[in-house]
Amino acid sequence: MHKTAIPNGIFLGFAMMICSYVIYIVNPDKFFQARPLLLLCIIFLIFLKTGQEAKAANGQFISFGQVFKNMFVTGAIGIFLCVFFEYILVNYLKTDLIEIKQAMELESLELTREVLNGRMESTMDLAEEQIENGGTISLNSYVQQYMTKLFMPVAAVAALLALIIKRAPPPSTPGTTYQDTQNRYVINKDREE
């Protein structure tokens, strides 16, 4: 892992926290609607920066796994900081967001009910009861949210960008500095014969 993955993760977390708070100040009613797209843009840019730095550190050649790991660590740290900040913001600092979140979730639940057309009604009733009782703003809910976000958007965006950034070294030819793995550690081969 490249040494900038952790600092980039911390930077990502603080950038997302600042963006989240600015959205709250500008329009609290749109906090849960406008924020995901803006945060996804920030994730994309910081992942691109992390991948390019790791690639530059490896002499412009990097495998998919190496670049993915760097971006995933960056995202895991950033998302953790952002989810923790959102939990504190919603539950302690700006509690008016609780009502906004519950109203948005109930509206979404009603749209789901319409799509399902009476199927899974007991599940829908259980979800509605959980929303009304504040189950979606609990610490357990935010831990689940963090785990979900590790897959989408973190792993998905990291995989997409890793496919774009990865670059294998060219095949070795005489006179180049890149050698195949069989001959890499041979010292004084002529003396052995």
N, C-alpha and C. Protein backbone atom coordinates (compact mmCIF):
# COMPACT_ATOMS: atom_id res chain seq x y z
N MET A 1 0.85 -1.18 0.00
CA MET A 1 0.00 0.00 0.00
C MET A 1 0.89 1.24 0.00
N HIS A 2 0.51 2.21 -0.80
CA HIS A 2 1.28 3.44 -0.90
C HIS A 2 1.03 4.31 0.32
N LYS A 3 2.03 5.05 0.71
CA LYS A 3 1.96 5.83 1.96
C LYS A 3 0.93 6.96 1.94
N THR A 4 0.41 7.34 0.78
CA THR A 4 -0.57 8.43 0.74
C THR A 4 -2.01 7.95 0.89
N ALA A 5 -2.26 6.65 0.95
CA ALA A 5 -3.64 6.15 1.05
C ALA A 5 -4.31 6.63 2.34
N ILE A 6 -3.60 6.56 3.46
CA ILE A 6 -4.19 6.96 4.75
C ILE A 6 -4.40 8.48 4.82
N PRO A 7 -3.39 9.30 4.48
CA PRO A 7 -3.65 10.75 4.49
C PRO A 7 -4.76 11.16 3.50
N ASN A 8 -4.81 10.50 2.34
CA ASN A 8 -5.89 10.80 1.39
C ASN A 8 -7.24 10.39 1.95
N GLY A 9 -7.29 9.31 2.72
CA GLY A 9 -8.53 8.89 3.37
C GLY A 9 -9.00 9.91 4.40
N ILE A 10 -8.08 10.42 5.17
CA ILE A 10 -8.43 11.45 6.17
C ILE A 10 -8.89 12.72 5.45
N PHE A 11 -8.18 13.10 4.39
CA PHE A 11 -8.58 14.26 3.60
C PHE A 11 -9.97 14.06 3.00
N LEU A 12 -10.22 12.86 2.47
CA LEU A 12 -11.53 12.54 1.90
C LEU A 12 -12.63 12.68 2.95
N GLY A 13 -12.38 12.14 4.15
CA GLY A 13 -13.36 12.22 5.22
C GLY A 13 -13.69 13.66 5.59
N PHE A 14 -12.66 14.49 5.74
CA PHE A 14 -12.90 15.88 6.10
C PHE A 14 -13.57 16.65 4.96
N ALA A 15 -13.21 16.35 3.72
CA ALA A 15 -13.86 17.00 2.58
C ALA A 15 -15.35 16.65 2.54
N MET A 16 -15.68 15.39 2.80
CA MET A 16 -17.09 14.98 2.79
C MET A 16 -17.85 15.58 3.98
N MET A 17 -17.18 15.71 5.13
CA MET A 17 -17.84 16.32 6.29
C MET A 17 -18.14 17.79 6.02
N ILE A 18 -17.18 18.50 5.44
CA ILE A 18 -17.38 19.92 5.13
C ILE A 18 -18.50 20.08 4.11
N CYS A 19 -18.48 19.25 3.07
CA CYS A 19 -19.52 19.30 2.04
C CYS A 19 -20.90 19.02 2.66
N SER A 20 -20.97 18.03 3.55
CA SER A 20 -22.23 17.69 4.20
C SER A 20 -22.75 18.87 5.02
N TYR A 21 -21.88 19.50 5.77
CA TYR A 21 -22.31 20.61 6.61
C TYR A 21 -22.75 21.82 5.77
N VAL A 22 -22.04 22.07 4.66
CA VAL A 22 -22.42 23.17 3.78
C VAL A 22 -23.80 22.91 3.18
N ILE A 23 -24.06 21.67 2.78
CA ILE A 23 -25.39 21.33 2.25
C ILE A 23 -26.45 21.56 3.32
N TYR A 24 -26.17 21.19 4.56
CA TYR A 24 -27.13 21.42 5.64
C TYR A 24 -27.41 22.90 5.81
N ILE A 25 -26.36 23.73 5.79
CA ILE A 25 -26.52 25.17 5.97
C ILE A 25 -27.32 25.77 4.81
N VAL A 26 -27.02 25.34 3.59
CA VAL A 26 -27.69 25.90 2.41
C VAL A 26 -29.17 25.51 2.36
N ASN A 27 -29.46 24.22 2.55
CA ASN A 27 -30.85 23.76 2.46
C ASN A 27 -31.00 22.46 3.23
N PRO A 28 -31.40 22.52 4.49
CA PRO A 28 -31.54 21.31 5.30
C PRO A 28 -32.52 20.29 4.71
N ASP A 29 -33.54 20.78 3.99
CA ASP A 29 -34.52 19.87 3.41
C ASP A 29 -33.92 18.97 2.33
N LYS A 30 -32.86 19.39 1.71
CA LYS A 30 -32.22 18.62 0.64
C LYS A 30 -30.97 17.87 1.12
N PHE A 31 -30.74 17.86 2.44
CA PHE A 31 -29.52 17.25 2.99
C PHE A 31 -29.36 15.81 2.55
N PHE A 32 -30.41 15.00 2.63
CA PHE A 32 -30.31 13.58 2.32
C PHE A 32 -30.50 13.29 0.84
N GLN A 33 -30.94 14.28 0.07
CA GLN A 33 -31.16 14.06 -1.36
C GLN A 33 -29.99 14.54 -2.21
N ALA A 34 -29.47 15.73 -1.94
CA ALA A 34 -28.41 16.30 -2.75
C ALA A 34 -27.03 15.77 -2.38
N ARG A 35 -26.87 15.37 -1.16
CA ARG A 35 -25.57 14.98 -0.64
C ARG A 35 -24.94 13.77 -1.33
N PRO A 36 -25.67 12.69 -1.59
CA PRO A 36 -25.01 11.50 -2.17
C PRO A 36 -24.27 11.76 -3.47
N LEU A 37 -24.86 12.52 -4.38
CA LEU A 37 -24.21 12.79 -5.66
C LEU A 37 -22.96 13.64 -5.48
N LEU A 38 -23.03 14.66 -4.63
CA LEU A 38 -21.86 15.50 -4.39
C LEU A 38 -20.73 14.72 -3.71
N LEU A 39 -21.09 13.87 -2.75
CA LEU A 39 -20.08 13.07 -2.08
C LEU A 39 -19.46 12.05 -3.03
N LEU A 40 -20.25 11.52 -3.95
CA LEU A 40 -19.72 10.58 -4.94
C LEU A 40 -18.69 11.26 -5.84
N CYS A 41 -18.94 12.51 -6.19
CA CYS A 41 -17.97 13.28 -7.00
C CYS A 41 -16.67 13.46 -6.23
N ILE A 42 -16.77 13.78 -4.95
CA ILE A 42 -15.57 13.94 -4.12
C ILE A 42 -14.81 12.62 -4.02
N ILE A 43 -15.53 11.52 -3.80
CA ILE A 43 -14.89 10.19 -3.72
C ILE A 43 -14.16 9.90 -5.02
N PHE A 44 -14.80 10.15 -6.14
CA PHE A 44 -14.20 9.89 -7.44
C PHE A 44 -12.89 10.66 -7.60
N LEU A 45 -12.91 11.94 -7.28
CA LEU A 45 -11.70 12.77 -7.45
C LEU A 45 -10.57 12.34 -6.52
N ILE A 46 -10.87 12.06 -5.26
CA ILE A 46 -9.82 11.67 -4.31
C ILE A 46 -9.29 10.27 -4.66
N PHE A 47 -10.15 9.37 -5.12
CA PHE A 47 -9.67 8.05 -5.55
C PHE A 47 -8.74 8.18 -6.75
N LEU A 48 -9.11 9.04 -7.67
CA LEU A 48 -8.26 9.27 -8.84
C LEU A 48 -6.90 9.79 -8.42
N LYS A 49 -6.88 10.73 -7.49
CA LYS A 49 -5.62 11.28 -6.95
C LYS A 49 -4.81 10.18 -6.28
N THR A 50 -5.45 9.35 -5.46
CA THR A 50 -4.76 8.27 -4.76
C THR A 50 -4.16 7.27 -5.74
N GLY A 51 -4.95 6.88 -6.74
CA GLY A 51 -4.47 5.93 -7.74
C GLY A 51 -3.30 6.46 -8.55
N GLN A 52 -3.37 7.72 -8.92
CA GLN A 52 -2.28 8.32 -9.70
C GLN A 52 -1.00 8.43 -8.87
N GLU A 53 -1.14 8.76 -7.59
CA GLU A 53 0.03 8.84 -6.72
C GLU A 53 0.68 7.47 -6.53
N ALA A 54 -0.14 6.44 -6.35
CA ALA A 54 0.40 5.08 -6.20
C ALA A 54 1.07 4.62 -7.49
N LYS A 55 0.48 4.97 -8.61
CA LYS A 55 1.05 4.60 -9.91
C LYS A 55 2.39 5.31 -10.13
N ALA A 56 2.45 6.58 -9.79
CA ALA A 56 3.70 7.35 -9.94
C ALA A 56 4.80 6.79 -9.04
N ALA A 57 4.41 6.35 -7.85
CA ALA A 57 5.40 5.79 -6.92
C ALA A 57 5.96 4.45 -7.42
N ASN A 58 5.21 3.76 -8.27
CA ASN A 58 5.67 2.49 -8.83
C ASN A 58 6.27 2.64 -10.22
N GLY A 59 6.70 3.80 -10.58
CA GLY A 59 7.32 4.01 -11.88
C GLY A 59 6.33 3.96 -13.03
N GLN A 60 5.11 4.41 -12.80
CA GLN A 60 4.02 4.47 -13.78
C GLN A 60 3.47 3.09 -14.16
N PHE A 61 3.85 2.05 -13.42
CA PHE A 61 3.30 0.71 -13.65
C PHE A 61 2.71 0.20 -12.35
N ILE A 62 1.46 -0.26 -12.39
CA ILE A 62 0.80 -0.73 -11.17
C ILE A 62 -0.25 -1.77 -11.55
N SER A 63 -0.42 -2.75 -10.70
CA SER A 63 -1.41 -3.79 -10.95
C SER A 63 -2.79 -3.33 -10.47
N PHE A 64 -3.80 -4.03 -10.94
CA PHE A 64 -5.17 -3.74 -10.52
C PHE A 64 -5.30 -3.86 -8.99
N GLY A 65 -4.75 -4.94 -8.43
CA GLY A 65 -4.86 -5.19 -7.00
C GLY A 65 -4.21 -4.10 -6.16
N GLN A 66 -3.04 -3.63 -6.58
CA GLN A 66 -2.35 -2.59 -5.82
C GLN A 66 -3.13 -1.28 -5.82
N VAL A 67 -3.59 -0.87 -6.99
CA VAL A 67 -4.29 0.41 -7.06
C VAL A 67 -5.66 0.30 -6.38
N PHE A 68 -6.33 -0.86 -6.51
CA PHE A 68 -7.61 -1.05 -5.84
C PHE A 68 -7.44 -0.97 -4.33
N LYS A 69 -6.42 -1.63 -3.79
CA LYS A 69 -6.19 -1.63 -2.34
C LYS A 69 -5.95 -0.21 -1.82
N ASN A 70 -5.17 0.57 -2.53
CA ASN A 70 -4.91 1.95 -2.11
C ASN A 70 -6.19 2.78 -2.08
N MET A 71 -6.99 2.64 -3.12
CA MET A 71 -8.23 3.43 -3.17
C MET A 71 -9.25 2.91 -2.14
N PHE A 72 -9.31 1.60 -1.93
CA PHE A 72 -10.26 1.05 -0.97
C PHE A 72 -9.93 1.51 0.45
N VAL A 73 -8.64 1.52 0.82
CA VAL A 73 -8.24 2.00 2.15
C VAL A 73 -8.59 3.47 2.30
N THR A 74 -8.32 4.25 1.26
CA THR A 74 -8.68 5.66 1.28
C THR A 74 -10.18 5.83 1.51
N GLY A 75 -10.98 5.07 0.77
CA GLY A 75 -12.43 5.17 0.89
C GLY A 75 -12.96 4.69 2.23
N ALA A 76 -12.38 3.60 2.76
CA ALA A 76 -12.84 3.07 4.05
C ALA A 76 -12.63 4.10 5.16
N ILE A 77 -11.50 4.77 5.14
CA ILE A 77 -11.23 5.80 6.15
C ILE A 77 -12.16 7.00 5.95
N GLY A 78 -12.28 7.47 4.72
CA GLY A 78 -13.12 8.63 4.44
C GLY A 78 -14.58 8.40 4.76
N ILE A 79 -15.10 7.24 4.36
CA ILE A 79 -16.51 6.93 4.62
C ILE A 79 -16.75 6.78 6.12
N PHE A 80 -15.81 6.17 6.84
CA PHE A 80 -15.96 6.04 8.29
C PHE A 80 -16.10 7.41 8.94
N LEU A 81 -15.22 8.34 8.57
CA LEU A 81 -15.28 9.69 9.15
C LEU A 81 -16.60 10.39 8.80
N CYS A 82 -17.04 10.23 7.55
CA CYS A 82 -18.27 10.89 7.11
C CYS A 82 -19.50 10.30 7.80
N VAL A 83 -19.58 8.98 7.91
CA VAL A 83 -20.73 8.34 8.56
C VAL A 83 -20.76 8.70 10.05
N PHE A 84 -19.60 8.72 10.69
CA PHE A 84 -19.53 9.10 12.11
C PHE A 84 -20.00 10.54 12.28
N PHE A 85 -19.55 11.43 11.38
CA PHE A 85 -19.96 12.83 11.43
C PHE A 85 -21.47 12.96 11.24
N GLU A 86 -22.03 12.22 10.28
CA GLU A 86 -23.46 12.28 10.04
C GLU A 86 -24.25 11.80 11.26
N TYR A 87 -23.77 10.75 11.91
CA TYR A 87 -24.44 10.25 13.11
C TYR A 87 -24.47 11.32 14.20
N ILE A 88 -23.34 11.97 14.44
CA ILE A 88 -23.27 13.04 15.45
C ILE A 88 -24.15 14.22 15.04
N LEU A 89 -24.08 14.60 13.77
CA LEU A 89 -24.85 15.74 13.28
C LEU A 89 -26.36 15.49 13.44
N VAL A 90 -26.82 14.34 13.00
CA VAL A 90 -28.26 14.04 13.02
C VAL A 90 -28.77 13.84 14.44
N ASN A 91 -28.03 13.11 15.25
CA ASN A 91 -28.54 12.73 16.57
C ASN A 91 -28.28 13.75 17.68
N TYR A 92 -27.27 14.61 17.52
CA TYR A 92 -26.91 15.51 18.63
C TYR A 92 -26.85 16.98 18.26
N LEU A 93 -26.33 17.32 17.08
CA LEU A 93 -26.13 18.72 16.76
C LEU A 93 -27.32 19.36 16.06
N LYS A 94 -27.84 18.72 15.05
CA LYS A 94 -28.94 19.27 14.25
C LYS A 94 -30.08 18.25 14.20
N THR A 95 -30.79 18.15 15.30
CA THR A 95 -31.82 17.12 15.43
C THR A 95 -33.02 17.34 14.52
N ASP A 96 -33.14 18.51 13.90
CA ASP A 96 -34.22 18.72 12.94
C ASP A 96 -34.07 17.82 11.72
N LEU A 97 -32.86 17.32 11.50
CA LEU A 97 -32.62 16.40 10.39
C LEU A 97 -33.32 15.05 10.60
N ILE A 98 -33.61 14.70 11.86
CA ILE A 98 -34.30 13.44 12.14
C ILE A 98 -35.66 13.43 11.46
N GLU A 99 -36.42 14.52 11.62
CA GLU A 99 -37.74 14.61 11.01
C GLU A 99 -37.66 14.59 9.49
N ILE A 100 -36.66 15.27 8.94
CA ILE A 100 -36.48 15.31 7.49
C ILE A 100 -36.16 13.91 6.97
N LYS A 101 -35.27 13.21 7.69
CA LYS A 101 -34.89 11.86 7.27
C LYS A 101 -36.07 10.90 7.36
N GLN A 102 -36.82 10.98 8.44
CA GLN A 102 -37.97 10.09 8.59
C GLN A 102 -39.03 10.36 7.53
N ALA A 103 -39.28 11.62 7.23
CA ALA A 103 -40.27 11.96 6.20
C ALA A 103 -39.83 11.44 4.83
N MET A 104 -38.54 11.58 4.52
CA MET A 104 -38.01 11.10 3.25
C MET A 104 -38.11 9.57 3.17
N GLU A 105 -37.77 8.89 4.26
CA GLU A 105 -37.83 7.42 4.27
C GLU A 105 -39.27 6.91 4.17
N LEU A 106 -40.21 7.59 4.84
CA LEU A 106 -41.61 7.18 4.74
C LEU A 106 -42.15 7.41 3.32
N GLU A 107 -41.73 8.50 2.70
CA GLU A 107 -42.14 8.76 1.32
C GLU A 107 -41.59 7.68 0.38
N SER A 108 -40.34 7.32 0.59
CA SER A 108 -39.73 6.26 -0.20
C SER A 108 -40.43 4.92 0.02
N LEU A 109 -40.82 4.66 1.24
CA LEU A 109 -41.52 3.43 1.58
C LEU A 109 -42.89 3.37 0.88
N GLU A 110 -43.57 4.51 0.82
CA GLU A 110 -44.86 4.55 0.14
C GLU A 110 -44.71 4.28 -1.35
N LEU A 111 -43.65 4.83 -1.96
CA LEU A 111 -43.39 4.55 -3.38
C LEU A 111 -43.11 3.07 -3.60
N THR A 112 -42.39 2.46 -2.67
CA THR A 112 -42.10 1.03 -2.76
C THR A 112 -43.39 0.22 -2.64
N ARG A 113 -44.25 0.63 -1.75
CA ARG A 113 -45.55 -0.04 -1.58
C ARG A 113 -46.35 0.00 -2.88
N GLU A 114 -46.35 1.15 -3.54
CA GLU A 114 -47.07 1.29 -4.80
C GLU A 114 -46.50 0.37 -5.86
N VAL A 115 -45.19 0.26 -5.92
CA VAL A 115 -44.54 -0.60 -6.91
C VAL A 115 -44.86 -2.07 -6.63
N LEU A 116 -44.83 -2.46 -5.35
CA LEU A 116 -45.08 -3.85 -4.99
C LEU A 116 -46.57 -4.21 -5.06
N ASN A 117 -47.44 -3.22 -5.06
CA ASN A 117 -48.88 -3.40 -5.25
C ASN A 117 -49.47 -4.43 -4.28
N GLY A 118 -49.22 -4.21 -2.97
CA GLY A 118 -49.83 -5.06 -1.95
C GLY A 118 -49.00 -6.28 -1.55
N ARG A 119 -47.97 -6.60 -2.27
CA ARG A 119 -47.11 -7.72 -1.89
C ARG A 119 -46.16 -7.28 -0.79
N MET A 120 -45.74 -8.21 0.02
CA MET A 120 -44.80 -7.97 1.12
C MET A 120 -45.30 -6.89 2.08
N GLU A 121 -46.58 -6.85 2.31
CA GLU A 121 -47.18 -5.82 3.16
C GLU A 121 -46.67 -5.89 4.59
N SER A 122 -46.48 -7.10 5.12
CA SER A 122 -46.00 -7.23 6.49
C SER A 122 -44.58 -6.67 6.63
N THR A 123 -43.75 -6.87 5.61
CA THR A 123 -42.40 -6.32 5.63
C THR A 123 -42.44 -4.80 5.57
N MET A 124 -43.34 -4.27 4.76
CA MET A 124 -43.49 -2.82 4.64
C MET A 124 -43.96 -2.21 5.96
N ASP A 125 -44.90 -2.89 6.64
CA ASP A 125 -45.38 -2.40 7.93
C ASP A 125 -44.26 -2.41 8.97
N LEU A 126 -43.45 -3.46 8.94
CA LEU A 126 -42.33 -3.55 9.88
C LEU A 126 -41.32 -2.43 9.62
N ALA A 127 -41.03 -2.16 8.36
CA ALA A 127 -40.10 -1.08 8.01
C ALA A 127 -40.66 0.28 8.43
N GLU A 128 -41.96 0.48 8.24
CA GLU A 128 -42.59 1.74 8.64
C GLU A 128 -42.51 1.94 10.15
N GLU A 129 -42.75 0.87 10.88
CA GLU A 129 -42.67 0.94 12.34
C GLU A 129 -41.24 1.26 12.80
N GLN A 130 -40.27 0.66 12.14
CA GLN A 130 -38.86 0.92 12.49
C GLN A 130 -38.49 2.38 12.22
N ILE A 131 -38.96 2.92 11.11
CA ILE A 131 -38.68 4.32 10.77
C ILE A 131 -39.31 5.24 11.81
N GLU A 132 -40.55 4.99 12.16
CA GLU A 132 -41.25 5.85 13.11
C GLU A 132 -40.68 5.76 14.52
N ASN A 133 -40.09 4.62 14.87
CA ASN A 133 -39.48 4.46 16.19
C ASN A 133 -38.03 4.93 16.25
N GLY A 134 -37.51 5.46 15.15
CA GLY A 134 -36.14 5.99 15.14
C GLY A 134 -35.07 4.94 14.94
N GLY A 135 -35.45 3.79 14.43
CA GLY A 135 -34.48 2.72 14.20
C GLY A 135 -33.46 3.05 13.13
N THR A 136 -33.81 3.96 12.22
CA THR A 136 -32.89 4.31 11.14
C THR A 136 -31.88 5.38 11.54
N ILE A 137 -31.99 5.90 12.75
CA ILE A 137 -31.01 6.90 13.19
C ILE A 137 -30.17 6.37 14.35
N SER A 138 -30.30 5.09 14.64
CA SER A 138 -29.54 4.49 15.74
C SER A 138 -28.09 4.24 15.31
N LEU A 139 -27.25 4.01 16.29
CA LEU A 139 -25.84 3.71 16.00
C LEU A 139 -25.73 2.43 15.17
N ASN A 140 -26.53 1.43 15.48
CA ASN A 140 -26.51 0.18 14.73
C ASN A 140 -26.85 0.42 13.26
N SER A 141 -27.80 1.30 13.01
CA SER A 141 -28.18 1.63 11.64
C SER A 141 -27.02 2.29 10.90
N TYR A 142 -26.29 3.15 11.58
CA TYR A 142 -25.15 3.81 10.94
C TYR A 142 -23.98 2.86 10.71
N VAL A 143 -23.81 1.87 11.57
CA VAL A 143 -22.78 0.85 11.35
C VAL A 143 -23.14 0.04 10.11
N GLN A 144 -24.41 -0.33 9.98
CA GLN A 144 -24.86 -1.05 8.78
C GLN A 144 -24.69 -0.19 7.54
N GLN A 145 -24.96 1.08 7.67
CA GLN A 145 -24.80 2.01 6.55
C GLN A 145 -23.33 2.07 6.12
N TYR A 146 -22.43 2.10 7.08
CA TYR A 146 -21.00 2.11 6.78
C TYR A 146 -20.59 0.85 6.01
N MET A 147 -21.04 -0.31 6.50
CA MET A 147 -20.69 -1.57 5.86
C MET A 147 -21.24 -1.62 4.43
N THR A 148 -22.43 -1.11 4.23
CA THR A 148 -23.02 -1.08 2.89
C THR A 148 -22.22 -0.17 1.97
N LYS A 149 -21.81 0.98 2.49
CA LYS A 149 -21.07 1.95 1.67
C LYS A 149 -19.67 1.47 1.32
N LEU A 150 -19.15 0.50 2.06
CA LEU A 150 -17.85 -0.08 1.68
C LEU A 150 -17.94 -0.81 0.35
N PHE A 151 -19.13 -1.35 0.06
CA PHE A 151 -19.31 -2.03 -1.22
C PHE A 151 -19.75 -1.06 -2.31
N MET A 152 -20.73 -0.24 -1.99
CA MET A 152 -21.18 0.75 -2.96
C MET A 152 -21.31 2.07 -2.24
N PRO A 153 -20.49 3.02 -2.46
CA PRO A 153 -19.72 3.31 -3.64
C PRO A 153 -18.24 2.93 -3.58
N VAL A 154 -17.67 2.64 -2.39
CA VAL A 154 -16.22 2.52 -2.27
C VAL A 154 -15.65 1.44 -3.17
N ALA A 155 -16.06 0.19 -2.99
CA ALA A 155 -15.47 -0.90 -3.78
C ALA A 155 -15.80 -0.76 -5.26
N ALA A 156 -17.02 -0.33 -5.58
CA ALA A 156 -17.42 -0.21 -6.98
C ALA A 156 -16.61 0.87 -7.70
N VAL A 157 -16.48 2.04 -7.09
CA VAL A 157 -15.73 3.13 -7.71
C VAL A 157 -14.24 2.78 -7.77
N ALA A 158 -13.72 2.17 -6.71
CA ALA A 158 -12.31 1.77 -6.69
C ALA A 158 -12.02 0.75 -7.79
N ALA A 159 -12.91 -0.21 -7.98
CA ALA A 159 -12.71 -1.22 -9.03
C ALA A 159 -12.74 -0.58 -10.42
N LEU A 160 -13.69 0.31 -10.63
CA LEU A 160 -13.81 0.98 -11.93
C LEU A 160 -12.55 1.80 -12.23
N LEU A 161 -12.12 2.59 -11.27
CA LEU A 161 -10.93 3.41 -11.49
C LEU A 161 -9.66 2.56 -11.57
N ALA A 162 -9.61 1.45 -10.83
CA ALA A 162 -8.44 0.58 -10.89
C ALA A 162 -8.29 -0.03 -12.28
N LEU A 163 -9.42 -0.35 -12.91
CA LEU A 163 -9.36 -0.87 -14.28
C LEU A 163 -8.80 0.17 -15.25
N ILE A 164 -9.09 1.43 -14.99
CA ILE A 164 -8.62 2.51 -15.86
C ILE A 164 -7.16 2.84 -15.58
N ILE A 165 -6.77 2.87 -14.32
CA ILE A 165 -5.43 3.31 -13.93
C ILE A 165 -4.37 2.24 -14.10
N LYS A 166 -4.72 0.97 -13.89
CA LYS A 166 -3.71 -0.10 -13.90
C LYS A 166 -2.90 -0.06 -15.20
N ARG A 167 -1.65 -0.46 -15.07
CA ARG A 167 -0.77 -0.48 -16.24
C ARG A 167 0.35 -1.48 -15.97
N ALA A 168 0.40 -2.49 -16.78
CA ALA A 168 1.44 -3.51 -16.64
C ALA A 168 2.71 -3.04 -17.34
N PRO A 169 3.87 -3.45 -16.83
CA PRO A 169 5.12 -3.09 -17.51
C PRO A 169 5.19 -3.79 -18.86
N PRO A 170 5.89 -3.19 -19.81
CA PRO A 170 5.99 -3.83 -21.13
C PRO A 170 6.80 -5.12 -21.03
N PRO A 171 6.57 -6.05 -21.97
CA PRO A 171 7.37 -7.28 -21.93
C PRO A 171 8.84 -6.94 -22.10
N SER A 172 9.68 -7.73 -21.44
CA SER A 172 11.11 -7.40 -21.46
C SER A 172 11.72 -7.75 -22.81
N THR A 173 12.56 -6.87 -23.25
CA THR A 173 13.34 -7.08 -24.47
C THR A 173 14.77 -6.74 -24.14
N PRO A 174 15.73 -7.28 -24.90
CA PRO A 174 17.14 -6.98 -24.60
C PRO A 174 17.39 -5.47 -24.60
N GLY A 175 18.11 -5.02 -23.61
CA GLY A 175 18.47 -3.62 -23.51
C GLY A 175 17.50 -2.79 -22.70
N THR A 176 16.41 -3.36 -22.19
CA THR A 176 15.49 -2.60 -21.36
C THR A 176 15.77 -2.89 -19.90
N THR A 177 15.22 -2.07 -19.03
CA THR A 177 15.44 -2.25 -17.60
C THR A 177 14.48 -3.23 -16.98
N TYR A 178 13.44 -3.65 -17.70
CA TYR A 178 12.47 -4.59 -17.17
C TYR A 178 12.86 -6.00 -17.57
N GLN A 179 13.00 -6.89 -16.60
CA GLN A 179 13.41 -8.26 -16.86
C GLN A 179 12.31 -9.20 -16.40
N ASP A 180 12.30 -10.40 -17.02
CA ASP A 180 11.30 -11.36 -16.57
C ASP A 180 11.69 -11.92 -15.21
N THR A 181 10.74 -12.54 -14.54
CA THR A 181 10.96 -12.97 -13.16
C THR A 181 11.96 -14.10 -13.06
N GLN A 182 12.17 -14.90 -14.11
CA GLN A 182 13.13 -15.99 -14.05
C GLN A 182 14.56 -15.48 -14.00
N ASN A 183 14.85 -14.39 -14.67
CA ASN A 183 16.22 -13.88 -14.75
C ASN A 183 16.50 -12.73 -13.81
N ARG A 184 15.53 -12.34 -13.03
CA ARG A 184 15.67 -11.15 -12.22
C ARG A 184 16.80 -11.27 -11.19
N TYR A 185 16.98 -12.42 -10.55
CA TYR A 185 17.93 -12.55 -9.46
C TYR A 185 19.16 -13.38 -9.82
N VAL A 186 19.43 -13.57 -11.09
CA VAL A 186 20.60 -14.34 -11.51
C VAL A 186 21.82 -13.45 -11.44
N ILE A 187 22.82 -13.91 -10.69
CA ILE A 187 24.06 -13.15 -10.53
C ILE A 187 25.20 -14.02 -11.04
N ASN A 188 25.99 -13.45 -11.90
CA ASN A 188 27.18 -14.13 -12.44
C ASN A 188 26.84 -15.52 -13.00
N LYS A 189 25.91 -15.58 -13.90
CA LYS A 189 25.50 -16.84 -14.49
C LYS A 189 26.64 -17.47 -15.28
N ASP A 190 27.48 -16.66 -15.89
CA ASP A 190 28.59 -17.19 -16.67
C ASP A 190 29.61 -17.92 -15.82
N ARG A 191 29.81 -17.55 -14.57
CA ARG A 191 30.78 -18.19 -13.69
C ARG A 191 30.35 -19.60 -13.27
N GLU A 192 29.03 -19.83 -13.24
CA GLU A 192 28.53 -21.13 -12.83
C GLU A 192 28.83 -22.19 -13.85
N GLU A 193 28.97 -21.85 -15.10
CA GLU A 193 29.20 -22.83 -16.18
C GLU A 193 30.61 -23.27 -16.31
